[in-house]
Structure formats: C-alpha cells, structure tokens
Amino acid sequence: MAFAHAQGLPLTQLVDTLGKGAGSSLVFRAPRAQHDSRELSGGFKVRLHAKDLGYLAVIWRRASADAAVVERMLDVYSELITRGYGDEDILGTYRLTRALRRA
C-alpha cells in the first residue's frame, strides 16, 4: 500500500481490487472506513503477529533456512511496537512505511 501510495495509485481502488483476488486477506476485506480514516485497530494486533512470526523465525533458523524476509518483518513489527502501535492491526505497517519514507 505504501508503494502504491508513493506511485500515486488510488488506495481505495487498490484495496478493492486486491480484496477480490487470490491474494485477498482480512487486511483487504476490512471495512473501507478503516482504510480511509487510518483508524487502524480492531484487527489482529501487530504484537500478536510479531509473537507468531518470532516462532516461525526460530523454526527457520533451526532448519538453517534463509529467514531474511521474516527477520525484516520482525524488524518492522518491533519498530511499530516501539512507536506504540503494538495493539493496532497489521495496517499499522502502512503507517510506519509512510512515516519512514518522509524521514
């Protein structure tokens, strides 16, 4: 979503389109008001995603698998939690990405 925003794409149309495809998820099926107002709460919390992804990272490391993507996402979640967004839903990653692009 942050990439689409940076490219000037209409986020409402992007979310609608992705919500209808094979890659759809709860994020894309969330009420439009949530996307439009940036009221990012009520979904699965970032801190819980971080916990679960942390378990996956441990398993991947034990299997000597490349966990670079998992590690990067854990970094993002950690930053969100540090900034006080741990209880927001996964759309908080969009807020962080936009904030980092401005910095």
PDB file of N, CA and C in Angstrom:
ATOM      1  N   MET A   1       0.814  -1.176   0.000  1.00  0.00           N
ATOM      2  CA  MET A   1       0.000   0.000   0.000  1.00  0.00           C
ATOM      3  C   MET A   1       0.865   1.250   0.000  1.00  0.00           C
ATOM      4  N   ALA A   2       1.965   1.215   0.754  1.00  0.00           N
ATOM      5  CA  ALA A   2       2.849   2.386   0.775  1.00  0.00           C
ATOM      6  C   ALA A   2       3.462   2.613  -0.600  1.00  0.00           C
ATOM      7  N   PHE A   3       3.858   1.539  -1.269  1.00  0.00           N
ATOM      8  CA  PHE A   3       4.408   1.660  -2.615  1.00  0.00           C
ATOM      9  C   PHE A   3       3.363   2.227  -3.565  1.00  0.00           C
ATOM     10  N   ALA A   4       2.151   1.708  -3.480  1.00  0.00           N
ATOM     11  CA  ALA A   4       1.069   2.204  -4.348  1.00  0.00           C
ATOM     12  C   ALA A   4       0.813   3.679  -4.083  1.00  0.00           C
ATOM     13  N   HIS A   5       0.815   4.069  -2.823  1.00  0.00           N
ATOM     14  CA  HIS A   5       0.605   5.475  -2.481  1.00  0.00           C
ATOM     15  C   HIS A   5       1.713   6.338  -3.069  1.00  0.00           C
ATOM     16  N   ALA A   6       2.957   5.877  -2.937  1.00  0.00           N
ATOM     17  CA  ALA A   6       4.103   6.627  -3.471  1.00  0.00           C
ATOM     18  C   ALA A   6       4.020   6.773  -4.987  1.00  0.00           C
ATOM     19  N   GLN A   7       3.361   5.825  -5.647  1.00  0.00           N
ATOM     20  CA  GLN A   7       3.218   5.870  -7.101  1.00  0.00           C
ATOM     21  C   GLN A   7       1.979   6.647  -7.532  1.00  0.00           C
ATOM     22  N   GLY A   8       1.231   7.163  -6.561  1.00  0.00           N
ATOM     23  CA  GLY A   8       0.052   7.943  -6.880  1.00  0.00           C
ATOM     24  C   GLY A   8      -1.174   7.118  -7.234  1.00  0.00           C
ATOM     25  N   LEU A   9      -1.157   5.833  -6.909  1.00  0.00           N
ATOM     26  CA  LEU A   9      -2.300   4.976  -7.223  1.00  0.00           C
ATOM     27  C   LEU A   9      -3.412   5.196  -6.193  1.00  0.00           C
ATOM     28  N   PRO A  10      -4.659   5.097  -6.617  1.00  0.00           N
ATOM     29  CA  PRO A  10      -5.770   5.278  -5.677  1.00  0.00           C
ATOM     30  C   PRO A  10      -5.882   4.081  -4.730  1.00  0.00           C
ATOM     31  N   LEU A  11      -5.670   4.314  -3.444  1.00  0.00           N
ATOM     32  CA  LEU A  11      -5.651   3.217  -2.476  1.00  0.00           C
ATOM     33  C   LEU A  11      -6.996   2.520  -2.366  1.00  0.00           C
ATOM     34  N   THR A  12      -8.075   3.260  -2.455  1.00  0.00           N
ATOM     35  CA  THR A  12      -9.395   2.636  -2.365  1.00  0.00           C
ATOM     36  C   THR A  12      -9.573   1.613  -3.478  1.00  0.00           C
ATOM     37  N   GLN A  13      -9.194   1.971  -4.689  1.00  0.00           N
ATOM     38  CA  GLN A  13      -9.311   1.048  -5.819  1.00  0.00           C
ATOM     39  C   GLN A  13      -8.351  -0.129  -5.649  1.00  0.00           C
ATOM     40  N   LEU A  14      -7.149   0.125  -5.180  1.00  0.00           N
ATOM     41  CA  LEU A  14      -6.177  -0.945  -4.944  1.00  0.00           C
ATOM     42  C   LEU A  14      -6.714  -1.955  -3.939  1.00  0.00           C
ATOM     43  N   VAL A  15      -7.221  -1.454  -2.816  1.00  0.00           N
ATOM     44  CA  VAL A  15      -7.742  -2.335  -1.774  1.00  0.00           C
ATOM     45  C   VAL A  15      -8.933  -3.134  -2.301  1.00  0.00           C
ATOM     46  N   ASP A  16      -9.819  -2.467  -3.026  1.00  0.00           N
ATOM     47  CA  ASP A  16     -10.973  -3.175  -3.601  1.00  0.00           C
ATOM     48  C   ASP A  16     -10.523  -4.289  -4.539  1.00  0.00           C
ATOM     49  N   THR A  17      -9.551  -3.996  -5.390  1.00  0.00           N
ATOM     50  CA  THR A  17      -9.068  -4.976  -6.366  1.00  0.00           C
ATOM     51  C   THR A  17      -8.380  -6.151  -5.677  1.00  0.00           C
ATOM     52  N   LEU A  18      -7.464  -5.853  -4.771  1.00  0.00           N
ATOM     53  CA  LEU A  18      -6.741  -6.926  -4.087  1.00  0.00           C
ATOM     54  C   LEU A  18      -7.666  -7.753  -3.201  1.00  0.00           C
ATOM     55  N   GLY A  19      -8.701  -7.142  -2.679  1.00  0.00           N
ATOM     56  CA  GLY A  19      -9.647  -7.856  -1.833  1.00  0.00           C
ATOM     57  C   GLY A  19     -10.493  -8.862  -2.573  1.00  0.00           C
ATOM     58  N   LYS A  20     -10.494  -8.787  -3.898  1.00  0.00           N
ATOM     59  CA  LYS A  20     -11.296  -9.706  -4.709  1.00  0.00           C
ATOM     60  C   LYS A  20     -10.456 -10.815  -5.341  1.00  0.00           C
ATOM     61  N   GLY A  21      -9.149 -10.740  -5.221  1.00  0.00           N
ATOM     62  CA  GLY A  21      -8.282 -11.710  -5.886  1.00  0.00           C
ATOM     63  C   GLY A  21      -7.840 -12.843  -4.988  1.00  0.00           C
ATOM     64  N   ALA A  22      -6.995 -13.692  -5.540  1.00  0.00           N
ATOM     65  CA  ALA A  22      -6.499 -14.866  -4.823  1.00  0.00           C
ATOM     66  C   ALA A  22      -5.638 -14.482  -3.627  1.00  0.00           C
ATOM     67  N   GLY A  23      -5.020 -13.305  -3.666  1.00  0.00           N
ATOM     68  CA  GLY A  23      -4.170 -12.862  -2.571  1.00  0.00           C
ATOM     69  C   GLY A  23      -4.915 -12.098  -1.497  1.00  0.00           C
ATOM     70  N   SER A  24      -6.224 -12.170  -1.519  1.00  0.00           N
ATOM     71  CA  SER A  24      -7.022 -11.427  -0.548  1.00  0.00           C
ATOM     72  C   SER A  24      -6.750 -11.919   0.868  1.00  0.00           C
ATOM     73  N   SER A  25      -6.936 -11.026   1.808  1.00  0.00           N
ATOM     74  CA  SER A  25      -6.795 -11.363   3.220  1.00  0.00           C
ATOM     75  C   SER A  25      -7.711 -10.449   4.010  1.00  0.00           C
ATOM     76  N   LEU A  26      -7.741 -10.653   5.309  1.00  0.00           N
ATOM     77  CA  LEU A  26      -8.558  -9.813   6.176  1.00  0.00           C
ATOM     78  C   LEU A  26      -8.205  -8.342   6.008  1.00  0.00           C
ATOM     79  N   VAL A  27      -6.931  -8.041   5.770  1.00  0.00           N
ATOM     80  CA  VAL A  27      -6.499  -6.664   5.593  1.00  0.00           C
ATOM     81  C   VAL A  27      -7.268  -6.003   4.460  1.00  0.00           C
ATOM     82  N   PHE A  28      -7.448  -6.727   3.364  1.00  0.00           N
ATOM     83  CA  PHE A  28      -8.110  -6.149   2.205  1.00  0.00           C
ATOM     84  C   PHE A  28      -9.627  -6.226   2.286  1.00  0.00           C
ATOM     85  N   ARG A  29     -10.144  -7.013   3.221  1.00  0.00           N
ATOM     86  CA  ARG A  29     -11.593  -7.104   3.372  1.00  0.00           C
ATOM     87  C   ARG A  29     -12.101  -6.246   4.524  1.00  0.00           C
ATOM     88  N   ALA A  30     -11.181  -5.553   5.229  1.00  0.00           N
ATOM     89  CA  ALA A  30     -11.585  -4.689   6.334  1.00  0.00           C
ATOM     90  C   ALA A  30     -12.500  -3.595   5.802  1.00  0.00           C
ATOM     91  N   PRO A  31     -13.351  -3.070   6.644  1.00  0.00           N
ATOM     92  CA  PRO A  31     -14.255  -2.011   6.192  1.00  0.00           C
ATOM     93  C   PRO A  31     -13.493  -0.844   5.575  1.00  0.00           C
ATOM     94  N   ARG A  32     -14.028  -0.296   4.495  1.00  0.00           N
ATOM     95  CA  ARG A  32     -13.381   0.813   3.787  1.00  0.00           C
ATOM     96  C   ARG A  32     -13.123   1.982   4.737  1.00  0.00           C
ATOM     97  N   ALA A  33     -14.033   2.258   5.659  1.00  0.00           N
ATOM     98  CA  ALA A  33     -13.844   3.375   6.578  1.00  0.00           C
ATOM     99  C   ALA A  33     -12.541   3.231   7.356  1.00  0.00           C
ATOM    100  N   GLN A  34     -12.184   1.995   7.664  1.00  0.00           N
ATOM    101  CA  GLN A  34     -10.948   1.763   8.404  1.00  0.00           C
ATOM    102  C   GLN A  34      -9.746   2.169   7.557  1.00  0.00           C
ATOM    103  N   HIS A  35      -9.752   1.816   6.269  1.00  0.00           N
ATOM    104  CA  HIS A  35      -8.648   2.186   5.384  1.00  0.00           C
ATOM    105  C   HIS A  35      -8.610   3.691   5.177  1.00  0.00           C
ATOM    106  N   ASP A  36      -9.762   4.282   4.951  1.00  0.00           N
ATOM    107  CA  ASP A  36      -9.824   5.699   4.615  1.00  0.00           C
ATOM    108  C   ASP A  36      -9.456   6.597   5.788  1.00  0.00           C
ATOM    109  N   SER A  37      -9.847   6.226   6.993  1.00  0.00           N
ATOM    110  CA  SER A  37      -9.626   7.091   8.145  1.00  0.00           C
ATOM    111  C   SER A  37      -8.328   6.781   8.869  1.00  0.00           C
ATOM    112  N   ARG A  38      -7.662   5.715   8.498  1.00  0.00           N
ATOM    113  CA  ARG A  38      -6.435   5.269   9.149  1.00  0.00           C
ATOM    114  C   ARG A  38      -6.689   4.895  10.604  1.00  0.00           C
ATOM    115  N   GLU A  39      -7.931   4.571  10.934  1.00  0.00           N
ATOM    116  CA  GLU A  39      -8.239   4.071  12.271  1.00  0.00           C
ATOM    117  C   GLU A  39      -7.851   2.603  12.286  1.00  0.00           C
ATOM    118  N   LEU A  40      -6.631   2.337  12.641  1.00  0.00           N
ATOM    119  CA  LEU A  40      -6.064   1.015  12.463  1.00  0.00           C
ATOM    120  C   LEU A  40      -6.143   0.194  13.744  1.00  0.00           C
ATOM    121  N   SER A  41      -7.329  -0.188  14.109  1.00  0.00           N
ATOM    122  CA  SER A  41      -7.491  -1.026  15.283  1.00  0.00           C
ATOM    123  C   SER A  41      -8.619  -2.007  15.023  1.00  0.00           C
ATOM    124  N   GLY A  42      -8.685  -3.026  15.807  1.00  0.00           N
ATOM    125  CA  GLY A  42      -9.773  -3.974  15.701  1.00  0.00           C
ATOM    126  C   GLY A  42      -9.420  -5.252  14.967  1.00  0.00           C
ATOM    127  N   GLY A  43      -8.334  -5.274  14.220  1.00  0.00           N
ATOM    128  CA  GLY A  43      -7.906  -6.489  13.548  1.00  0.00           C
ATOM    129  C   GLY A  43      -6.920  -7.247  14.422  1.00  0.00           C
ATOM    130  N   PHE A  44      -6.221  -8.187  13.839  1.00  0.00           N
ATOM    131  CA  PHE A  44      -5.219  -8.959  14.567  1.00  0.00           C
ATOM    132  C   PHE A  44      -4.052  -8.040  14.910  1.00  0.00           C
ATOM    133  N   LYS A  45      -3.711  -7.935  16.151  1.00  0.00           N
ATOM    134  CA  LYS A  45      -2.749  -6.957  16.635  1.00  0.00           C
ATOM    135  C   LYS A  45      -1.322  -7.236  16.151  1.00  0.00           C
ATOM    136  N   VAL A  46      -0.596  -6.153  15.881  1.00  0.00           N
ATOM    137  CA  VAL A  46       0.797  -6.241  15.443  1.00  0.00           C
ATOM    138  C   VAL A  46       1.627  -7.049  16.433  1.00  0.00           C
ATOM    139  N   ARG A  47       1.434  -6.827  17.726  1.00  0.00           N
ATOM    140  CA  ARG A  47       2.251  -7.544  18.719  1.00  0.00           C
ATOM    141  C   ARG A  47       1.998  -9.054  18.670  1.00  0.00           C
ATOM    142  N   LEU A  48       0.782  -9.450  18.263  1.00  0.00           N
ATOM    143  CA  LEU A  48       0.495 -10.882  18.139  1.00  0.00           C
ATOM    144  C   LEU A  48       1.098 -11.444  16.857  1.00  0.00           C
ATOM    145  N   HIS A  49       1.080 -10.646  15.788  1.00  0.00           N
ATOM    146  CA  HIS A  49       1.783 -11.055  14.562  1.00  0.00           C
ATOM    147  C   HIS A  49       3.265 -11.257  14.878  1.00  0.00           C
ATOM    148  N   ALA A  50       3.844 -10.314  15.614  1.00  0.00           N
ATOM    149  CA  ALA A  50       5.265 -10.396  15.956  1.00  0.00           C
ATOM    150  C   ALA A  50       5.568 -11.661  16.750  1.00  0.00           C
ATOM    151  N   LYS A  51       4.713 -11.968  17.697  1.00  0.00           N
ATOM    152  CA  LYS A  51       4.904 -13.183  18.504  1.00  0.00           C
ATOM    153  C   LYS A  51       4.904 -14.419  17.617  1.00  0.00           C
ATOM    154  N   ASP A  52       3.889 -14.523  16.751  1.00  0.00           N
ATOM    155  CA  ASP A  52       3.771 -15.700  15.884  1.00  0.00           C
ATOM    156  C   ASP A  52       4.917 -15.780  14.873  1.00  0.00           C
ATOM    157  N   LEU A  53       5.270 -14.642  14.304  1.00  0.00           N
ATOM    158  CA  LEU A  53       6.366 -14.634  13.337  1.00  0.00           C
ATOM    159  C   LEU A  53       7.687 -14.943  14.021  1.00  0.00           C
ATOM    160  N   GLY A  54       7.815 -14.558  15.279  1.00  0.00           N
ATOM    161  CA  GLY A  54       9.009 -14.909  16.055  1.00  0.00           C
ATOM    162  C   GLY A  54       9.163 -16.414  16.188  1.00  0.00           C
ATOM    163  N   TYR A  55       8.055 -17.112  16.402  1.00  0.00           N
ATOM    164  CA  TYR A  55       8.103 -18.578  16.461  1.00  0.00           C
ATOM    165  C   TYR A  55       8.582 -19.149  15.127  1.00  0.00           C
ATOM    166  N   LEU A  56       8.053 -18.599  14.040  1.00  0.00           N
ATOM    167  CA  LEU A  56       8.468 -19.057  12.709  1.00  0.00           C
ATOM    168  C   LEU A  56       9.960 -18.813  12.492  1.00  0.00           C
ATOM    169  N   ALA A  57      10.444 -17.661  12.905  1.00  0.00           N
ATOM    170  CA  ALA A  57      11.866 -17.347  12.728  1.00  0.00           C
ATOM    171  C   ALA A  57      12.743 -18.361  13.453  1.00  0.00           C
ATOM    172  N   VAL A  58      12.344 -18.761  14.646  1.00  0.00           N
ATOM    173  CA  VAL A  58      13.106 -19.761  15.409  1.00  0.00           C
ATOM    174  C   VAL A  58      13.150 -21.079  14.641  1.00  0.00           C
ATOM    175  N   ILE A  59      12.021 -21.495  14.124  1.00  0.00           N
ATOM    176  CA  ILE A  59      11.949 -22.743  13.360  1.00  0.00           C
ATOM    177  C   ILE A  59      12.827 -22.664  12.120  1.00  0.00           C
ATOM    178  N   TRP A  60      12.760 -21.534  11.401  1.00  0.00           N
ATOM    179  CA  TRP A  60      13.567 -21.379  10.190  1.00  0.00           C
ATOM    180  C   TRP A  60      15.051 -21.409  10.516  1.00  0.00           C
ATOM    181  N   ARG A  61      15.440 -20.729  11.605  1.00  0.00           N
ATOM    182  CA  ARG A  61      16.861 -20.720  11.980  1.00  0.00           C
ATOM    183  C   ARG A  61      17.339 -22.134  12.315  1.00  0.00           C
ATOM    184  N   ARG A  62      16.518 -22.885  13.019  1.00  0.00           N
ATOM    185  CA  ARG A  62      16.885 -24.263  13.378  1.00  0.00           C
ATOM    186  C   ARG A  62      17.044 -25.126  12.135  1.00  0.00           C
ATOM    187  N   ALA A  63      16.298 -24.797  11.091  1.00  0.00           N
ATOM    188  CA  ALA A  63      16.371 -25.558   9.844  1.00  0.00           C
ATOM    189  C   ALA A  63      17.429 -24.983   8.900  1.00  0.00           C
ATOM    190  N   SER A  64      18.175 -24.007   9.364  1.00  0.00           N
ATOM    191  CA  SER A  64      19.190 -23.316   8.556  1.00  0.00           C
ATOM    192  C   SER A  64      18.602 -22.743   7.267  1.00  0.00           C
ATOM    193  N   ALA A  65      17.361 -22.317   7.341  1.00  0.00           N
ATOM    194  CA  ALA A  65      16.699 -21.721   6.176  1.00  0.00           C
ATOM    195  C   ALA A  65      16.954 -20.218   6.157  1.00  0.00           C
ATOM    196  N   ASP A  66      16.893 -19.645   4.981  1.00  0.00           N
ATOM    197  CA  ASP A  66      17.056 -18.207   4.825  1.00  0.00           C
ATOM    198  C   ASP A  66      15.794 -17.520   5.350  1.00  0.00           C
ATOM    199  N   ALA A  67      15.953 -16.797   6.427  1.00  0.00           N
ATOM    200  CA  ALA A  67      14.815 -16.142   7.065  1.00  0.00           C
ATOM    201  C   ALA A  67      14.882 -14.626   6.906  1.00  0.00           C
ATOM    202  N   ALA A  68      15.533 -14.144   5.855  1.00  0.00           N
ATOM    203  CA  ALA A  68      15.732 -12.700   5.689  1.00  0.00           C
ATOM    204  C   ALA A  68      14.410 -11.937   5.654  1.00  0.00           C
ATOM    205  N   VAL A  69      13.428 -12.443   4.952  1.00  0.00           N
ATOM    206  CA  VAL A  69      12.142 -11.746   4.867  1.00  0.00           C
ATOM    207  C   VAL A  69      11.455 -11.749   6.232  1.00  0.00           C
ATOM    208  N   VAL A  70      11.508 -12.876   6.907  1.00  0.00           N
ATOM    209  CA  VAL A  70      10.910 -12.979   8.234  1.00  0.00           C
ATOM    210  C   VAL A  70      11.611 -12.017   9.192  1.00  0.00           C
ATOM    211  N   GLU A  71      12.924 -11.980   9.153  1.00  0.00           N
ATOM    212  CA  GLU A  71      13.686 -11.095  10.033  1.00  0.00           C
ATOM    213  C   GLU A  71      13.358  -9.631   9.750  1.00  0.00           C
ATOM    214  N   ARG A  72      13.230  -9.283   8.480  1.00  0.00           N
ATOM    215  CA  ARG A  72      12.894  -7.890   8.135  1.00  0.00           C
ATOM    216  C   ARG A  72      11.512  -7.525   8.661  1.00  0.00           C
ATOM    217  N   MET A  73      10.563  -8.425   8.526  1.00  0.00           N
ATOM    218  CA  MET A  73       9.213  -8.133   9.024  1.00  0.00           C
ATOM    219  C   MET A  73       9.221  -8.035  10.538  1.00  0.00           C
ATOM    220  N   LEU A  74      10.014  -8.854  11.202  1.00  0.00           N
ATOM    221  CA  LEU A  74      10.139  -8.739  12.659  1.00  0.00           C
ATOM    222  C   LEU A  74      10.718  -7.375  13.052  1.00  0.00           C
ATOM    223  N   ASP A  75      11.655  -6.869  12.250  1.00  0.00           N
ATOM    224  CA  ASP A  75      12.192  -5.525  12.496  1.00  0.00           C
ATOM    225  C   ASP A  75      11.090  -4.474  12.384  1.00  0.00           C
ATOM    226  N   VAL A  76      10.243  -4.613  11.365  1.00  0.00           N
ATOM    227  CA  VAL A  76       9.135  -3.671  11.174  1.00  0.00           C
ATOM    228  C   VAL A  76       8.178  -3.741  12.357  1.00  0.00           C
ATOM    229  N   TYR A  77       7.808  -4.956  12.756  1.00  0.00           N
ATOM    230  CA  TYR A  77       6.905  -5.113  13.895  1.00  0.00           C
ATOM    231  C   TYR A  77       7.527  -4.522  15.162  1.00  0.00           C
ATOM    232  N   SER A  78       8.804  -4.759  15.372  1.00  0.00           N
ATOM    233  CA  SER A  78       9.487  -4.227  16.546  1.00  0.00           C
ATOM    234  C   SER A  78       9.428  -2.698  16.558  1.00  0.00           C
ATOM    235  N   GLU A  79       9.650  -2.097  15.410  1.00  0.00           N
ATOM    236  CA  GLU A  79       9.584  -0.640  15.302  1.00  0.00           C
ATOM    237  C   GLU A  79       8.172  -0.132  15.591  1.00  0.00           C
ATOM    238  N   LEU A  80       7.178  -0.821  15.062  1.00  0.00           N
ATOM    239  CA  LEU A  80       5.789  -0.435  15.335  1.00  0.00           C
ATOM    240  C   LEU A  80       5.482  -0.514  16.827  1.00  0.00           C
ATOM    241  N   ILE A  81       5.908  -1.598  17.452  1.00  0.00           N
ATOM    242  CA  ILE A  81       5.653  -1.779  18.882  1.00  0.00           C
ATOM    243  C   ILE A  81       6.369  -0.690  19.679  1.00  0.00           C
ATOM    244  N   THR A  82       7.614  -0.396  19.318  1.00  0.00           N
ATOM    245  CA  THR A  82       8.374   0.663  19.980  1.00  0.00           C
ATOM    246  C   THR A  82       7.670   2.007  19.860  1.00  0.00           C
ATOM    247  N   ARG A  83       7.045   2.254  18.709  1.00  0.00           N
ATOM    248  CA  ARG A  83       6.338   3.520  18.479  1.00  0.00           C
ATOM    249  C   ARG A  83       4.933   3.530  19.083  1.00  0.00           C
ATOM    250  N   GLY A  84       4.562   2.457  19.754  1.00  0.00           N
ATOM    251  CA  GLY A  84       3.277   2.426  20.424  1.00  0.00           C
ATOM    252  C   GLY A  84       2.121   1.880  19.606  1.00  0.00           C
ATOM    253  N   TYR A  85       2.415   1.194  18.486  1.00  0.00           N
ATOM    254  CA  TYR A  85       1.367   0.680  17.607  1.00  0.00           C
ATOM    255  C   TYR A  85       1.143  -0.830  17.758  1.00  0.00           C
ATOM    256  N   GLY A  86       1.621  -1.419  18.834  1.00  0.00           N
ATOM    257  CA  GLY A  86       1.519  -2.862  19.015  1.00  0.00           C
ATOM    258  C   GLY A  86       0.100  -3.393  19.092  1.00  0.00           C
ATOM    259  N   ASP A  87      -0.826  -2.556  19.523  1.00  0.00           N
ATOM    260  CA  ASP A  87      -2.210  -3.003  19.635  1.00  0.00           C
ATOM    261  C   ASP A  87      -3.042  -2.653  18.403  1.00  0.00           C
ATOM    262  N   GLU A  88      -2.427  -2.026  17.397  1.00  0.00           N
ATOM    263  CA  GLU A  88      -3.122  -1.761  16.145  1.00  0.00           C
ATOM    264  C   GLU A  88      -3.078  -3.003  15.275  1.00  0.00           C
ATOM    265  N   ASP A  89      -3.881  -3.007  14.232  1.00  0.00           N
ATOM    266  CA  ASP A  89      -3.852  -4.165  13.347  1.00  0.00           C
ATOM    267  C   ASP A  89      -2.724  -4.019  12.329  1.00  0.00           C
ATOM    268  N   ILE A  90      -2.590  -4.991  11.482  1.00  0.00           N
ATOM    269  CA  ILE A  90      -1.468  -5.092  10.550  1.00  0.00           C
ATOM    270  C   ILE A  90      -1.367  -3.890   9.599  1.00  0.00           C
ATOM    271  N   LEU A  91      -2.446  -3.158   9.420  1.00  0.00           N
ATOM    272  CA  LEU A  91      -2.365  -1.968   8.579  1.00  0.00           C
ATOM    273  C   LEU A  91      -1.438  -0.915   9.173  1.00  0.00           C
ATOM    274  N   GLY A  92      -1.052  -1.086  10.434  1.00  0.00           N
ATOM    275  CA  GLY A  92      -0.072  -0.192  11.027  1.00  0.00           C
ATOM    276  C   GLY A  92       1.246  -0.212  10.275  1.00  0.00           C
ATOM    277  N   THR A  93       1.549  -1.292   9.578  1.00  0.00           N
ATOM    278  CA  THR A  93       2.781  -1.334   8.781  1.00  0.00           C
ATOM    279  C   THR A  93       2.742  -0.279   7.687  1.00  0.00           C
ATOM    280  N   TYR A  94       1.547   0.002   7.181  1.00  0.00           N
ATOM    281  CA  TYR A  94       1.394   1.051   6.169  1.00  0.00           C
ATOM    282  C   TYR A  94       1.750   2.409   6.774  1.00  0.00           C
ATOM    283  N   ARG A  95       1.254   2.673   7.983  1.00  0.00           N
ATOM    284  CA  ARG A  95       1.548   3.944   8.640  1.00  0.00           C
ATOM    285  C   ARG A  95       3.061   4.091   8.848  1.00  0.00           C
ATOM    286  N   LEU A  96       3.721   3.040   9.310  1.00  0.00           N
ATOM    287  CA  LEU A  96       5.158   3.098   9.556  1.00  0.00           C
ATOM    288  C   LEU A  96       5.919   3.311   8.257  1.00  0.00           C
ATOM    289  N   THR A  97       5.567   2.600   7.212  1.00  0.00           N
ATOM    290  CA  THR A  97       6.254   2.746   5.933  1.00  0.00           C
ATOM    291  C   THR A  97       6.143   4.176   5.420  1.00  0.00           C
ATOM    292  N   ARG A  98       4.967   4.746   5.523  1.00  0.00           N
ATOM    293  CA  ARG A  98       4.783   6.145   5.092  1.00  0.00           C
ATOM    294  C   ARG A  98       5.627   7.078   5.955  1.00  0.00           C
ATOM    295  N   ALA A  99       5.665   6.870   7.264  1.00  0.00           N
ATOM    296  CA  ALA A  99       6.437   7.728   8.151  1.00  0.00           C
ATOM    297  C   ALA A  99       7.926   7.643   7.840  1.00  0.00           C
ATOM    298  N   LEU A 100       8.415   6.445   7.574  1.00  0.00           N
ATOM    299  CA  LEU A 100       9.837   6.265   7.275  1.00  0.00           C
ATOM    300  C   LEU A 100      10.211   6.888   5.935  1.00  0.00           C
ATOM    301  N   ARG A 101       9.302   6.882   4.976  1.00  0.00           N
ATOM    302  CA  ARG A 101       9.578   7.490   3.670  1.00  0.00           C
ATOM    303  C   ARG A 101       9.710   9.002   3.791  1.00  0.00           C
ATOM    304  N   ARG A 102       9.018   9.591   4.774  1.00  0.00           N
ATOM    305  CA  ARG A 102       9.082  11.039   4.978  1.00  0.00           C
ATOM    306  C   ARG A 102      10.325  11.453   5.748  1.00  0.00           C
ATOM    307  N   ALA A 103      10.896  10.524   6.503  1.00  0.00           N
ATOM    308  CA  ALA A 103      12.047  10.865   7.368  1.00  0.00           C
ATOM    309  C   ALA A 103      13.313  11.069   6.565  1.00  0.00           C
TER     310      ALA A 103
END
